[in-house]
């Protein structure tokens, strides 16, 4: 059903020992069938949130549902697969024994476990190591087995806490393929990671968690819609010479005023075109705030009328890393916010 929620959370909070505010009012919605990424610096509260969903720890406050039932509803957990961040599988077990053991804990019938164990280990690229003990596995191999055990109960929702931690580039590529397959099968995947490039490649939507609060949430396009721009660079002119040329060109297409309005976020000090778009000239390059190519055609025409040559025209969209750095930067001081939520514990919400 379009728009149906796998996870719908409101006002989730966790305070440790009455002092450390790990989570301070999380509102988050994850649609069924999507890959959702939760990112944030170390100590932001990512793993705390996942542990609350899995009832590993008790929240101070939690309103919301998971797979249509209240968070903490025990039977619902049987429809969830989970890979903790710091899992500890016994070294004396083999890969297939680990998957079979967790299947038994999830009440998967023995006959089904036997069939699923081999299939899942092949899926994660560990078929040849199935009968070898984990004591001889690398960190990346343990992660692969961890993903296999998270799928043994055929879950509707899969929670993966740092699944690519310690995994080499080949392994990360394979895990991305597994995530894509989960989505194709209709599963919902909730993914914690600090590897921003990985999240950007696989996630439909993301949330950025900073100091126990969600700073931003949505698709990459939604989060960057007002941050995109075109960059125009002239040929045959250094930065000092290009500036006056651009000033003359922009004057010819028409300038506007903010008239009491502030420039868009991230465009402090920028000027305004008659069309309403913000612009600035930096290091000999013209930056125009727009995502539409048609909006800069009149500027290109004016540059041609001035007999100037264009070296490049580049559309720019902030990366997930750019969004992340903006979220963890104090807009007043420009300094990076301290890790964790304890730094703001006395002040409540920042």
C-alpha atoms as a PDB file:
ATOM      1  CA  UNK A   1       0.000   0.000   0.000  1.00  0.00           C
ATOM      2  CA  UNK A   2       1.668   3.277  -1.115  1.00  0.00           C
ATOM      3  CA  UNK A   3       2.659   5.491   1.787  1.00  0.00           C
ATOM      4  CA  UNK A   4       2.207   2.773   4.405  1.00  0.00           C
ATOM      5  CA  UNK A   5       4.742   3.082   7.199  1.00  0.00           C
ATOM      6  CA  UNK A   6       7.079   0.370   8.414  1.00  0.00           C
ATOM      7  CA  UNK A   7       8.278   2.611  11.256  1.00  0.00           C
ATOM      8  CA  UNK A   8       6.453   5.695  12.521  1.00  0.00           C
ATOM      9  CA  UNK A   9       8.072   7.329  15.550  1.00  0.00           C
ATOM     10  CA  UNK A  10       7.218  10.421  17.583  1.00  0.00           C
ATOM     11  CA  UNK A  11       8.938  11.946  20.612  1.00  0.00           C
ATOM     12  CA  UNK A  12      11.412   9.114  21.190  1.00  0.00           C
ATOM     13  CA  UNK A  13      13.709  10.049  24.063  1.00  0.00           C
ATOM     14  CA  UNK A  14      16.347   8.316  26.136  1.00  0.00           C
ATOM     15  CA  UNK A  15      18.155   9.757  29.142  1.00  0.00           C
ATOM     16  CA  UNK A  16      20.848   7.740  30.869  1.00  0.00           C
ATOM     17  CA  UNK A  17      21.159   8.145  34.650  1.00  0.00           C
ATOM     18  CA  UNK A  18      19.082  11.315  34.472  1.00  0.00           C
ATOM     19  CA  UNK A  19      21.984  13.244  32.950  1.00  0.00           C
ATOM     20  CA  UNK A  20      23.010  12.072  29.489  1.00  0.00           C
ATOM     21  CA  UNK A  21      20.323  12.851  26.903  1.00  0.00           C
ATOM     22  CA  UNK A  22      21.115  10.321  24.186  1.00  0.00           C
ATOM     23  CA  UNK A  23      17.848  10.960  22.318  1.00  0.00           C
ATOM     24  CA  UNK A  24      15.816  14.112  22.817  1.00  0.00           C
ATOM     25  CA  UNK A  25      12.611  13.749  20.826  1.00  0.00           C
ATOM     26  CA  UNK A  26      13.037  11.736  17.638  1.00  0.00           C
ATOM     27  CA  UNK A  27      10.355  12.029  14.947  1.00  0.00           C
ATOM     28  CA  UNK A  28      10.986   9.611  12.077  1.00  0.00           C
ATOM     29  CA  UNK A  29       8.945   7.863   9.397  1.00  0.00           C
ATOM     30  CA  UNK A  30      10.130   4.984   7.241  1.00  0.00           C
ATOM     31  CA  UNK A  31       7.965   3.789   4.348  1.00  0.00           C
ATOM     32  CA  UNK A  32       7.459   0.119   3.663  1.00  0.00           C
ATOM     33  CA  UNK A  33       9.676  -1.256   0.914  1.00  0.00           C
ATOM     34  CA  UNK A  34      12.338   1.456   1.043  1.00  0.00           C
ATOM     35  CA  UNK A  35      15.980   1.510   2.056  1.00  0.00           C
ATOM     36  CA  UNK A  36      16.297   4.153   4.757  1.00  0.00           C
ATOM     37  CA  UNK A  37      19.638   5.418   6.006  1.00  0.00           C
ATOM     38  CA  UNK A  38      20.302   6.906   9.426  1.00  0.00           C
ATOM     39  CA  UNK A  39      23.567   8.797   9.660  1.00  0.00           C
ATOM     40  CA  UNK A  40      25.253  10.888  12.260  1.00  0.00           C
ATOM     41  CA  UNK A  41      28.561  11.350  14.065  1.00  0.00           C
ATOM     42  CA  UNK A  42      29.693   8.930  16.737  1.00  0.00           C
ATOM     43  CA  UNK A  43      27.596   9.420  19.856  1.00  0.00           C
ATOM     44  CA  UNK A  44      24.651  10.948  17.983  1.00  0.00           C
ATOM     45  CA  UNK A  45      22.255   8.276  19.263  1.00  0.00           C
ATOM     46  CA  UNK A  46      21.916   6.053  16.164  1.00  0.00           C
ATOM     47  CA  UNK A  47      22.532   2.729  17.900  1.00  0.00           C
ATOM     48  CA  UNK A  48      20.450   3.813  20.893  1.00  0.00           C
ATOM     49  CA  UNK A  49      17.459   4.316  18.610  1.00  0.00           C
ATOM     50  CA  UNK A  50      17.882   0.898  16.994  1.00  0.00           C
ATOM     51  CA  UNK A  51      18.214  -0.775  20.398  1.00  0.00           C
ATOM     52  CA  UNK A  52      14.981   0.882  21.518  1.00  0.00           C
ATOM     53  CA  UNK A  53      13.190  -0.494  18.465  1.00  0.00           C
ATOM     54  CA  UNK A  54      14.547  -3.960  19.256  1.00  0.00           C
ATOM     55  CA  UNK A  55      13.686  -3.628  22.979  1.00  0.00           C
ATOM     56  CA  UNK A  56      17.337  -4.092  23.927  1.00  0.00           C
ATOM     57  CA  UNK A  57      17.106  -0.948  26.031  1.00  0.00           C
ATOM     58  CA  UNK A  58      14.079   0.766  27.555  1.00  0.00           C
ATOM     59  CA  UNK A  59      13.254   4.281  26.302  1.00  0.00           C
ATOM     60  CA  UNK A  60      12.539   7.197  28.573  1.00  0.00           C
ATOM     61  CA  UNK A  61       9.691   8.030  26.194  1.00  0.00           C
ATOM     62  CA  UNK A  62       8.544   6.417  22.966  1.00  0.00           C
ATOM     63  CA  UNK A  63       5.428   6.934  20.885  1.00  0.00           C
ATOM     64  CA  UNK A  64       4.997   5.194  17.584  1.00  0.00           C
ATOM     65  CA  UNK A  65       4.630   1.959  15.699  1.00  0.00           C
ATOM     66  CA  UNK A  66       6.766  -0.664  13.977  1.00  0.00           C
ATOM     67  CA  UNK A  67       5.071  -2.811  11.323  1.00  0.00           C
ATOM     68  CA  UNK A  68       1.710  -1.541  12.480  1.00  0.00           C
ATOM     69  CA  UNK A  69       2.093  -2.342  16.187  1.00  0.00           C
ATOM     70  CA  UNK A  70       3.369  -0.343  19.125  1.00  0.00           C
ATOM     71  CA  UNK A  71       7.128  -0.309  19.541  1.00  0.00           C
ATOM     72  CA  UNK A  72       7.983  -3.139  21.925  1.00  0.00           C
ATOM     73  CA  UNK A  73       5.223  -5.476  20.744  1.00  0.00           C
ATOM     74  CA  UNK A  74       6.991  -8.835  21.149  1.00  0.00           C
ATOM     75  CA  UNK A  75       5.274 -10.847  18.378  1.00  0.00           C
ATOM     76  CA  UNK A  76       6.196  -8.113  15.888  1.00  0.00           C
ATOM     77  CA  UNK A  77       9.892  -8.650  16.577  1.00  0.00           C
ATOM     78  CA  UNK A  78       9.539 -12.059  14.948  1.00  0.00           C
ATOM     79  CA  UNK A  79       9.007 -10.216  11.657  1.00  0.00           C
ATOM     80  CA  UNK A  80      12.197  -8.193  12.074  1.00  0.00           C
ATOM     81  CA  UNK A  81      15.785  -9.095  11.190  1.00  0.00           C
ATOM     82  CA  UNK A  82      18.568  -7.454  13.217  1.00  0.00           C
ATOM     83  CA  UNK A  83      22.326  -7.101  12.936  1.00  0.00           C
ATOM     84  CA  UNK A  84      23.795  -5.271  15.981  1.00  0.00           C
ATOM     85  CA  UNK A  85      26.805  -3.003  15.565  1.00  0.00           C
ATOM     86  CA  UNK A  86      29.082  -4.932  17.939  1.00  0.00           C
ATOM     87  CA  UNK A  87      27.849  -8.475  17.532  1.00  0.00           C
ATOM     88  CA  UNK A  88      29.734 -11.300  19.219  1.00  0.00           C
ATOM     89  CA  UNK A  89      29.223 -14.674  17.567  1.00  0.00           C
ATOM     90  CA  UNK A  90      31.046 -17.499  19.382  1.00  0.00           C
ATOM     91  CA  UNK A  91      34.330 -18.361  17.663  1.00  0.00           C
ATOM     92  CA  UNK A  92      33.751 -22.094  18.122  1.00  0.00           C
ATOM     93  CA  UNK A  93      30.634 -22.075  15.903  1.00  0.00           C
ATOM     94  CA  UNK A  94      30.762 -22.479  12.143  1.00  0.00           C
ATOM     95  CA  UNK A  95      29.021 -20.062   9.795  1.00  0.00           C
ATOM     96  CA  UNK A  96      26.137 -22.427   9.188  1.00  0.00           C
ATOM     97  CA  UNK A  97      25.773 -23.114  12.901  1.00  0.00           C
ATOM     98  CA  UNK A  98      25.432 -19.383  13.589  1.00  0.00           C
ATOM     99  CA  UNK A  99      22.652 -18.953  11.023  1.00  0.00           C
ATOM    100  CA  UNK A 100      20.907 -22.147  12.181  1.00  0.00           C
ATOM    101  CA  UNK A 101      21.146 -21.089  15.843  1.00  0.00           C
ATOM    102  CA  UNK A 102      19.581 -17.689  15.260  1.00  0.00           C
ATOM    103  CA  UNK A 103      16.921 -19.284  13.091  1.00  0.00           C
ATOM    104  CA  UNK A 104      16.034 -21.567  16.002  1.00  0.00           C
ATOM    105  CA  UNK A 105      15.747 -18.557  18.328  1.00  0.00           C
ATOM    106  CA  UNK A 106      13.320 -17.024  15.832  1.00  0.00           C
ATOM    107  CA  UNK A 107      11.221 -20.219  15.878  1.00  0.00           C
ATOM    108  CA  UNK A 108      11.990 -21.059  12.259  1.00  0.00           C
ATOM    109  CA  UNK A 109      11.150 -24.794  11.779  1.00  0.00           C
ATOM    110  CA  UNK A 110      14.224 -27.018  11.621  1.00  0.00           C
ATOM    111  CA  UNK A 111      13.583 -28.195   8.065  1.00  0.00           C
ATOM    112  CA  UNK A 112      13.220 -24.595   6.859  1.00  0.00           C
ATOM    113  CA  UNK A 113      16.366 -23.555   8.731  1.00  0.00           C
ATOM    114  CA  UNK A 114      18.444 -26.207   7.005  1.00  0.00           C
ATOM    115  CA  UNK A 115      17.328 -25.016   3.576  1.00  0.00           C
ATOM    116  CA  UNK A 116      17.601 -21.302   4.368  1.00  0.00           C
ATOM    117  CA  UNK A 117      21.047 -21.547   5.973  1.00  0.00           C
ATOM    118  CA  UNK A 118      22.748 -22.739   2.811  1.00  0.00           C
ATOM    119  CA  UNK A 119      20.860 -20.301   0.601  1.00  0.00           C
ATOM    120  CA  UNK A 120      21.654 -17.306   2.798  1.00  0.00           C
ATOM    121  CA  UNK A 121      25.339 -18.132   3.166  1.00  0.00           C
ATOM    122  CA  UNK A 122      25.572 -18.399  -0.628  1.00  0.00           C
ATOM    123  CA  UNK A 123      23.754 -15.074  -0.918  1.00  0.00           C
ATOM    124  CA  UNK A 124      26.339 -13.293   1.237  1.00  0.00           C
ATOM    125  CA  UNK A 125      29.282 -15.021  -0.436  1.00  0.00           C
ATOM    126  CA  UNK A 126      30.119 -17.343   2.456  1.00  0.00           C
ATOM    127  CA  UNK A 127      29.031 -20.678   1.042  1.00  0.00           C
ATOM    128  CA  UNK A 128      32.575 -22.066   0.872  1.00  0.00           C
ATOM    129  CA  UNK A 129      33.179 -21.093   4.517  1.00  0.00           C
ATOM    130  CA  UNK A 130      29.914 -22.515   5.859  1.00  0.00           C
ATOM    131  CA  UNK A 131      31.544 -25.392   7.765  1.00  0.00           C
ATOM    132  CA  UNK A 132      34.548 -23.445   9.039  1.00  0.00           C
ATOM    133  CA  UNK A 133      34.671 -21.927  12.526  1.00  0.00           C
ATOM    134  CA  UNK A 134      34.274 -18.197  13.009  1.00  0.00           C
ATOM    135  CA  UNK A 135      37.612 -18.073  14.821  1.00  0.00           C
ATOM    136  CA  UNK A 136      39.244 -18.082  11.382  1.00  0.00           C
ATOM    137  CA  UNK A 137      36.962 -15.409   9.893  1.00  0.00           C
ATOM    138  CA  UNK A 138      37.945 -11.832   9.160  1.00  0.00           C
ATOM    139  CA  UNK A 139      35.797  -8.912  10.361  1.00  0.00           C
ATOM    140  CA  UNK A 140      34.234  -8.563   6.932  1.00  0.00           C
ATOM    141  CA  UNK A 141      33.394 -12.272   6.812  1.00  0.00           C
ATOM    142  CA  UNK A 142      31.700 -12.025  10.202  1.00  0.00           C
ATOM    143  CA  UNK A 143      29.649  -9.126   8.903  1.00  0.00           C
ATOM    144  CA  UNK A 144      28.487 -11.217   5.956  1.00  0.00           C
ATOM    145  CA  UNK A 145      27.409 -14.036   8.261  1.00  0.00           C
ATOM    146  CA  UNK A 146      25.686 -11.435  10.432  1.00  0.00           C
ATOM    147  CA  UNK A 147      23.592 -10.291   7.484  1.00  0.00           C
ATOM    148  CA  UNK A 148      22.716 -13.923   6.717  1.00  0.00           C
ATOM    149  CA  UNK A 149      21.439 -14.521  10.266  1.00  0.00           C
ATOM    150  CA  UNK A 150      19.405 -11.302  10.068  1.00  0.00           C
ATOM    151  CA  UNK A 151      17.501 -12.777   7.118  1.00  0.00           C
ATOM    152  CA  UNK A 152      16.950 -16.306   8.410  1.00  0.00           C
ATOM    153  CA  UNK A 153      13.427 -15.567   9.703  1.00  0.00           C
ATOM    154  CA  UNK A 154      12.337 -14.085   6.323  1.00  0.00           C
ATOM    155  CA  UNK A 155      11.770 -10.634   7.902  1.00  0.00           C
ATOM    156  CA  UNK A 156       9.605  -7.825   6.567  1.00  0.00           C
ATOM    157  CA  UNK A 157      11.881  -5.239   8.206  1.00  0.00           C
ATOM    158  CA  UNK A 158      15.672  -5.533   8.473  1.00  0.00           C
ATOM    159  CA  UNK A 159      17.657  -3.342  10.900  1.00  0.00           C
ATOM    160  CA  UNK A 160      21.367  -3.239  10.079  1.00  0.00           C
ATOM    161  CA  UNK A 161      23.655  -1.327  12.441  1.00  0.00           C
ATOM    162  CA  UNK A 162      26.930  -0.460  10.625  1.00  0.00           C
ATOM    163  CA  UNK A 163      26.759  -3.496   8.275  1.00  0.00           C
ATOM    164  CA  UNK A 164      29.818  -2.439   6.244  1.00  0.00           C
ATOM    165  CA  UNK A 165      32.048  -1.798   9.267  1.00  0.00           C
ATOM    166  CA  UNK A 166      35.402  -3.462   8.599  1.00  0.00           C
ATOM    167  CA  UNK A 167      34.342  -4.649   5.143  1.00  0.00           C
ATOM    168  CA  UNK A 168      36.662  -4.144   2.160  1.00  0.00           C
ATOM    169  CA  UNK A 169      35.492  -2.377  -1.043  1.00  0.00           C
ATOM    170  CA  UNK A 170      34.538  -5.661  -2.726  1.00  0.00           C
ATOM    171  CA  UNK A 171      32.529  -6.668   0.323  1.00  0.00           C
ATOM    172  CA  UNK A 172      30.780  -3.279   0.443  1.00  0.00           C
ATOM    173  CA  UNK A 173      29.825  -3.662  -3.202  1.00  0.00           C
ATOM    174  CA  UNK A 174      28.408  -7.124  -2.480  1.00  0.00           C
ATOM    175  CA  UNK A 175      26.452  -5.805   0.504  1.00  0.00           C
ATOM    176  CA  UNK A 176      24.978  -3.041  -1.661  1.00  0.00           C
ATOM    177  CA  UNK A 177      23.801  -5.716  -4.078  1.00  0.00           C
ATOM    178  CA  UNK A 178      22.221  -7.626  -1.171  1.00  0.00           C
ATOM    179  CA  UNK A 179      20.423  -4.483  -0.017  1.00  0.00           C
ATOM    180  CA  UNK A 180      19.084  -3.925  -3.526  1.00  0.00           C
ATOM    181  CA  UNK A 181      17.817  -7.499  -3.575  1.00  0.00           C
ATOM    182  CA  UNK A 182      16.081  -7.014  -0.214  1.00  0.00           C
ATOM    183  CA  UNK A 183      14.284  -3.990  -1.633  1.00  0.00           C
ATOM    184  CA  UNK A 184      13.287  -5.909  -4.777  1.00  0.00           C
ATOM    185  CA  UNK A 185      11.800  -8.581  -2.515  1.00  0.00           C
ATOM    186  CA  UNK A 186       9.638  -5.934  -0.834  1.00  0.00           C
ATOM    187  CA  UNK A 187      11.543  -5.775   2.453  1.00  0.00           C
ATOM    188  CA  UNK A 188      12.120  -2.551   4.326  1.00  0.00           C
ATOM    189  CA  UNK A 189      15.755  -1.895   5.260  1.00  0.00           C
ATOM    190  CA  UNK A 190      16.762   0.471   8.076  1.00  0.00           C
ATOM    191  CA  UNK A 191      20.472   1.082   7.785  1.00  0.00           C
ATOM    192  CA  UNK A 192      22.828   2.788  10.244  1.00  0.00           C
ATOM    193  CA  UNK A 193      26.191   3.876   8.911  1.00  0.00           C
ATOM    194  CA  UNK A 194      28.810   6.603   9.065  1.00  0.00           C
ATOM    195  CA  UNK A 195      30.024   5.753   5.517  1.00  0.00           C
ATOM    196  CA  UNK A 196      28.202   8.555   3.725  1.00  0.00           C
ATOM    197  CA  UNK A 197      29.112   7.470   0.198  1.00  0.00           C
ATOM    198  CA  UNK A 198      27.615   4.041   0.887  1.00  0.00           C
ATOM    199  CA  UNK A 199      24.341   5.508   2.121  1.00  0.00           C
ATOM    200  CA  UNK A 200      24.098   7.876  -0.831  1.00  0.00           C
ATOM    201  CA  UNK A 201      24.383   4.963  -3.273  1.00  0.00           C
ATOM    202  CA  UNK A 202      21.771   2.659  -1.713  1.00  0.00           C
ATOM    203  CA  UNK A 203      19.226   4.712   0.242  1.00  0.00           C
ATOM    204  CA  UNK A 204      15.871   6.014  -0.957  1.00  0.00           C
ATOM    205  CA  UNK A 205      15.691   8.422   1.974  1.00  0.00           C
ATOM    206  CA  UNK A 206      17.969   9.419   4.831  1.00  0.00           C
ATOM    207  CA  UNK A 207      17.809  11.120   8.213  1.00  0.00           C
ATOM    208  CA  UNK A 208      20.690  13.002   9.791  1.00  0.00           C
ATOM    209  CA  UNK A 209      20.894  12.579  13.554  1.00  0.00           C
ATOM    210  CA  UNK A 210      22.937  15.094  15.544  1.00  0.00           C
ATOM    211  CA  UNK A 211      23.117  15.322  19.327  1.00  0.00           C
ATOM    212  CA  UNK A 212      20.005  13.223  19.814  1.00  0.00           C
ATOM    213  CA  UNK A 213      17.792  15.088  17.327  1.00  0.00           C
ATOM    214  CA  UNK A 214      16.886  14.629  13.657  1.00  0.00           C
ATOM    215  CA  UNK A 215      18.344  17.641  11.847  1.00  0.00           C
ATOM    216  CA  UNK A 216      17.116  16.685   8.369  1.00  0.00           C
ATOM    217  CA  UNK A 217      15.066  13.909   6.783  1.00  0.00           C
ATOM    218  CA  UNK A 218      14.024  13.096   3.212  1.00  0.00           C
ATOM    219  CA  UNK A 219      15.368  12.061  -0.180  1.00  0.00           C
ATOM    220  CA  UNK A 220      18.650  13.560  -1.361  1.00  0.00           C
ATOM    221  CA  UNK A 221      16.693  15.594  -3.928  1.00  0.00           C
ATOM    222  CA  UNK A 222      14.333  16.918  -1.243  1.00  0.00           C
ATOM    223  CA  UNK A 223      17.192  17.857   1.056  1.00  0.00           C
ATOM    224  CA  UNK A 224      19.103  19.661  -1.712  1.00  0.00           C
ATOM    225  CA  UNK A 225      16.255  21.298  -3.617  1.00  0.00           C
ATOM    226  CA  UNK A 226      17.207  24.795  -2.397  1.00  0.00           C
ATOM    227  CA  UNK A 227      20.935  24.155  -2.414  1.00  0.00           C
ATOM    228  CA  UNK A 228      21.541  23.345  -6.080  1.00  0.00           C
ATOM    229  CA  UNK A 229      23.289  25.736  -8.405  1.00  0.00           C
ATOM    230  CA  UNK A 230      24.987  26.206 -11.744  1.00  0.00           C
ATOM    231  CA  UNK A 231      28.626  27.243 -11.923  1.00  0.00           C
ATOM    232  CA  UNK A 232      29.843  29.136 -14.986  1.00  0.00           C
ATOM    233  CA  UNK A 233      33.538  29.634 -15.692  1.00  0.00           C
ATOM    234  CA  UNK A 234      35.007  31.813 -18.448  1.00  0.00           C
ATOM    235  CA  UNK A 235      37.890  30.757 -20.704  1.00  0.00           C
ATOM    236  CA  UNK A 236      41.033  32.823 -21.072  1.00  0.00           C
ATOM    237  CA  UNK A 237      40.483  34.963 -17.974  1.00  0.00           C
ATOM    238  CA  UNK A 238      41.941  34.667 -14.504  1.00  0.00           C
ATOM    239  CA  UNK A 239      39.814  35.223 -11.434  1.00  0.00           C
ATOM    240  CA  UNK A 240      40.599  38.933 -11.218  1.00  0.00           C
ATOM    241  CA  UNK A 241      39.623  39.579 -14.845  1.00  0.00           C
ATOM    242  CA  UNK A 242      36.542  37.337 -14.850  1.00  0.00           C
ATOM    243  CA  UNK A 243      34.831  39.213 -12.026  1.00  0.00           C
ATOM    244  CA  UNK A 244      34.276  42.501 -13.905  1.00  0.00           C
ATOM    245  CA  UNK A 245      33.140  40.606 -17.008  1.00  0.00           C
ATOM    246  CA  UNK A 246      30.490  38.752 -15.007  1.00  0.00           C
ATOM    247  CA  UNK A 247      29.401  41.983 -13.305  1.00  0.00           C
ATOM    248  CA  UNK A 248      28.847  43.618 -16.691  1.00  0.00           C
ATOM    249  CA  UNK A 249      26.981  40.580 -18.032  1.00  0.00           C
ATOM    250  CA  UNK A 250      24.673  40.350 -15.013  1.00  0.00           C
ATOM    251  CA  UNK A 251      23.910  44.058 -15.118  1.00  0.00           C
ATOM    252  CA  UNK A 252      22.730  43.593 -18.695  1.00  0.00           C
ATOM    253  CA  UNK A 253      20.292  40.783 -17.773  1.00  0.00           C
ATOM    254  CA  UNK A 254      18.916  42.728 -14.819  1.00  0.00           C
ATOM    255  CA  UNK A 255      19.566  42.798 -11.090  1.00  0.00           C
ATOM    256  CA  UNK A 256      17.070  42.699  -8.268  1.00  0.00           C
ATOM    257  CA  UNK A 257      17.026  43.477  -4.566  1.00  0.00           C
ATOM    258  CA  UNK A 258      16.215  41.423  -1.490  1.00  0.00           C
ATOM    259  CA  UNK A 259      13.935  44.209  -0.180  1.00  0.00           C
ATOM    260  CA  UNK A 260      14.198  43.206   3.454  1.00  0.00           C
ATOM    261  CA  UNK A 261      14.456  39.513   2.739  1.00  0.00           C
ATOM    262  CA  UNK A 262      17.505  37.544   3.744  1.00  0.00           C
ATOM    263  CA  UNK A 263      19.456  35.669   1.062  1.00  0.00           C
ATOM    264  CA  UNK A 264      18.783  31.904   0.958  1.00  0.00           C
ATOM    265  CA  UNK A 265      20.496  29.691   3.533  1.00  0.00           C
ATOM    266  CA  UNK A 266      24.127  29.197   2.598  1.00  0.00           C
ATOM    267  CA  UNK A 267      24.096  32.263   0.329  1.00  0.00           C
ATOM    268  CA  UNK A 268      24.953  34.952   2.878  1.00  0.00           C
ATOM    269  CA  UNK A 269      26.128  38.081   1.089  1.00  0.00           C
ATOM    270  CA  UNK A 270      24.823  36.900  -2.280  1.00  0.00           C
ATOM    271  CA  UNK A 271      23.125  39.341  -4.668  1.00  0.00           C
ATOM    272  CA  UNK A 272      19.898  38.799  -6.541  1.00  0.00           C
ATOM    273  CA  UNK A 273      19.014  38.649 -10.220  1.00  0.00           C
ATOM    274  CA  UNK A 274      15.839  40.234 -11.562  1.00  0.00           C
ATOM    275  CA  UNK A 275      14.570  36.653 -12.025  1.00  0.00           C
ATOM    276  CA  UNK A 276      14.771  36.219  -8.239  1.00  0.00           C
ATOM    277  CA  UNK A 277      17.718  33.813  -8.186  1.00  0.00           C
ATOM    278  CA  UNK A 278      20.647  34.404  -5.862  1.00  0.00           C
ATOM    279  CA  UNK A 279      24.128  34.675  -7.355  1.00  0.00           C
ATOM    280  CA  UNK A 280      27.682  35.277  -6.270  1.00  0.00           C
ATOM    281  CA  UNK A 281      31.069  35.492  -7.957  1.00  0.00           C
ATOM    282  CA  UNK A 282      33.828  33.523  -6.261  1.00  0.00           C
ATOM    283  CA  UNK A 283      37.352  32.863  -7.558  1.00  0.00           C
ATOM    284  CA  UNK A 284      36.335  33.954 -11.034  1.00  0.00           C
ATOM    285  CA  UNK A 285      33.361  31.580 -11.197  1.00  0.00           C
ATOM    286  CA  UNK A 286      29.717  32.630 -11.319  1.00  0.00           C
ATOM    287  CA  UNK A 287      27.383  30.654  -9.025  1.00  0.00           C
ATOM    288  CA  UNK A 288      23.643  30.898  -9.712  1.00  0.00           C
ATOM    289  CA  UNK A 289      21.144  29.317  -7.335  1.00  0.00           C
ATOM    290  CA  UNK A 290      18.897  27.197  -9.537  1.00  0.00           C
ATOM    291  CA  UNK A 291      18.432  23.562 -10.503  1.00  0.00           C
ATOM    292  CA  UNK A 292      16.861  24.391 -13.875  1.00  0.00           C
ATOM    293  CA  UNK A 293      19.098  24.725 -16.933  1.00  0.00           C
ATOM    294  CA  UNK A 294      16.536  26.996 -18.592  1.00  0.00           C
ATOM    295  CA  UNK A 295      16.980  29.588 -15.857  1.00  0.00           C
ATOM    296  CA  UNK A 296      20.561  30.379 -16.907  1.00  0.00           C
ATOM    297  CA  UNK A 297      20.076  30.497 -20.684  1.00  0.00           C
ATOM    298  CA  UNK A 298      19.645  34.289 -20.673  1.00  0.00           C
ATOM    299  CA  UNK A 299      22.955  34.603 -18.799  1.00  0.00           C
ATOM    300  CA  UNK A 300      24.691  32.381 -21.348  1.00  0.00           C
ATOM    301  CA  UNK A 301      23.203  34.479 -24.177  1.00  0.00           C
ATOM    302  CA  UNK A 302      24.470  37.676 -22.521  1.00  0.00           C
ATOM    303  CA  UNK A 303      27.965  36.185 -22.156  1.00  0.00           C
ATOM    304  CA  UNK A 304      27.963  35.392 -25.888  1.00  0.00           C
ATOM    305  CA  UNK A 305      26.833  38.928 -26.722  1.00  0.00           C
ATOM    306  CA  UNK A 306      29.877  40.179 -24.834  1.00  0.00           C
ATOM    307  CA  UNK A 307      32.064  37.945 -27.086  1.00  0.00           C
ATOM    308  CA  UNK A 308      33.285  35.989 -24.066  1.00  0.00           C
ATOM    309  CA  UNK A 309      34.165  32.312 -24.240  1.00  0.00           C
ATOM    310  CA  UNK A 310      32.763  29.839 -21.723  1.00  0.00           C
ATOM    311  CA  UNK A 311      35.153  27.218 -20.380  1.00  0.00           C
ATOM    312  CA  UNK A 312      32.581  25.206 -18.438  1.00  0.00           C
ATOM    313  CA  UNK A 313      29.003  25.147 -17.162  1.00  0.00           C
ATOM    314  CA  UNK A 314      28.549  22.739 -14.272  1.00  0.00           C
ATOM    315  CA  UNK A 315      25.373  21.773 -12.429  1.00  0.00           C
ATOM    316  CA  UNK A 316      26.131  21.310  -8.737  1.00  0.00           C
ATOM    317  CA  UNK A 317      24.125  19.345  -6.185  1.00  0.00           C
ATOM    318  CA  UNK A 318      25.429  18.969  -2.630  1.00  0.00           C
ATOM    319  CA  UNK A 319      26.510  15.467  -1.728  1.00  0.00           C
ATOM    320  CA  UNK A 320      25.315  13.629   1.347  1.00  0.00           C
ATOM    321  CA  UNK A 321      28.639  14.549   2.927  1.00  0.00           C
ATOM    322  CA  UNK A 322      27.910  18.252   2.279  1.00  0.00           C
ATOM    323  CA  UNK A 323      24.484  17.889   3.908  1.00  0.00           C
ATOM    324  CA  UNK A 324      26.025  16.060   6.840  1.00  0.00           C
ATOM    325  CA  UNK A 325      28.700  18.697   7.431  1.00  0.00           C
ATOM    326  CA  UNK A 326      26.068  21.428   7.300  1.00  0.00           C
ATOM    327  CA  UNK A 327      23.976  19.550   9.873  1.00  0.00           C
ATOM    328  CA  UNK A 328      26.870  19.137  12.325  1.00  0.00           C
ATOM    329  CA  UNK A 329      28.048  22.744  12.022  1.00  0.00           C
ATOM    330  CA  UNK A 330      26.783  25.393  14.423  1.00  0.00           C
ATOM    331  CA  UNK A 331      25.287  28.125  12.170  1.00  0.00           C
ATOM    332  CA  UNK A 332      26.178  30.833  14.692  1.00  0.00           C
ATOM    333  CA  UNK A 333      29.813  30.000  15.399  1.00  0.00           C
ATOM    334  CA  UNK A 334      30.681  27.934  12.337  1.00  0.00           C
ATOM    335  CA  UNK A 335      32.229  25.307  14.611  1.00  0.00           C
ATOM    336  CA  UNK A 336      31.526  21.593  14.454  1.00  0.00           C
ATOM    337  CA  UNK A 337      29.062  20.510  17.130  1.00  0.00           C
ATOM    338  CA  UNK A 338      30.506  18.332  19.848  1.00  0.00           C
ATOM    339  CA  UNK A 339      29.861  14.600  19.468  1.00  0.00           C
ATOM    340  CA  UNK A 340      27.077  13.053  21.484  1.00  0.00           C
ATOM    341  CA  UNK A 341      24.131  14.738  23.142  1.00  0.00           C
ATOM    342  CA  UNK A 342      25.599  15.146  26.607  1.00  0.00           C
ATOM    343  CA  UNK A 343      27.111  18.518  25.683  1.00  0.00           C
ATOM    344  CA  UNK A 344      23.626  20.054  25.494  1.00  0.00           C
ATOM    345  CA  UNK A 345      22.007  18.019  28.249  1.00  0.00           C
ATOM    346  CA  UNK A 346      21.132  20.948  30.474  1.00  0.00           C
ATOM    347  CA  UNK A 347      19.710  23.017  27.665  1.00  0.00           C
ATOM    348  CA  UNK A 348      17.299  20.423  26.322  1.00  0.00           C
ATOM    349  CA  UNK A 349      16.736  20.835  22.610  1.00  0.00           C
ATOM    350  CA  UNK A 350      19.534  22.781  20.878  1.00  0.00           C
END
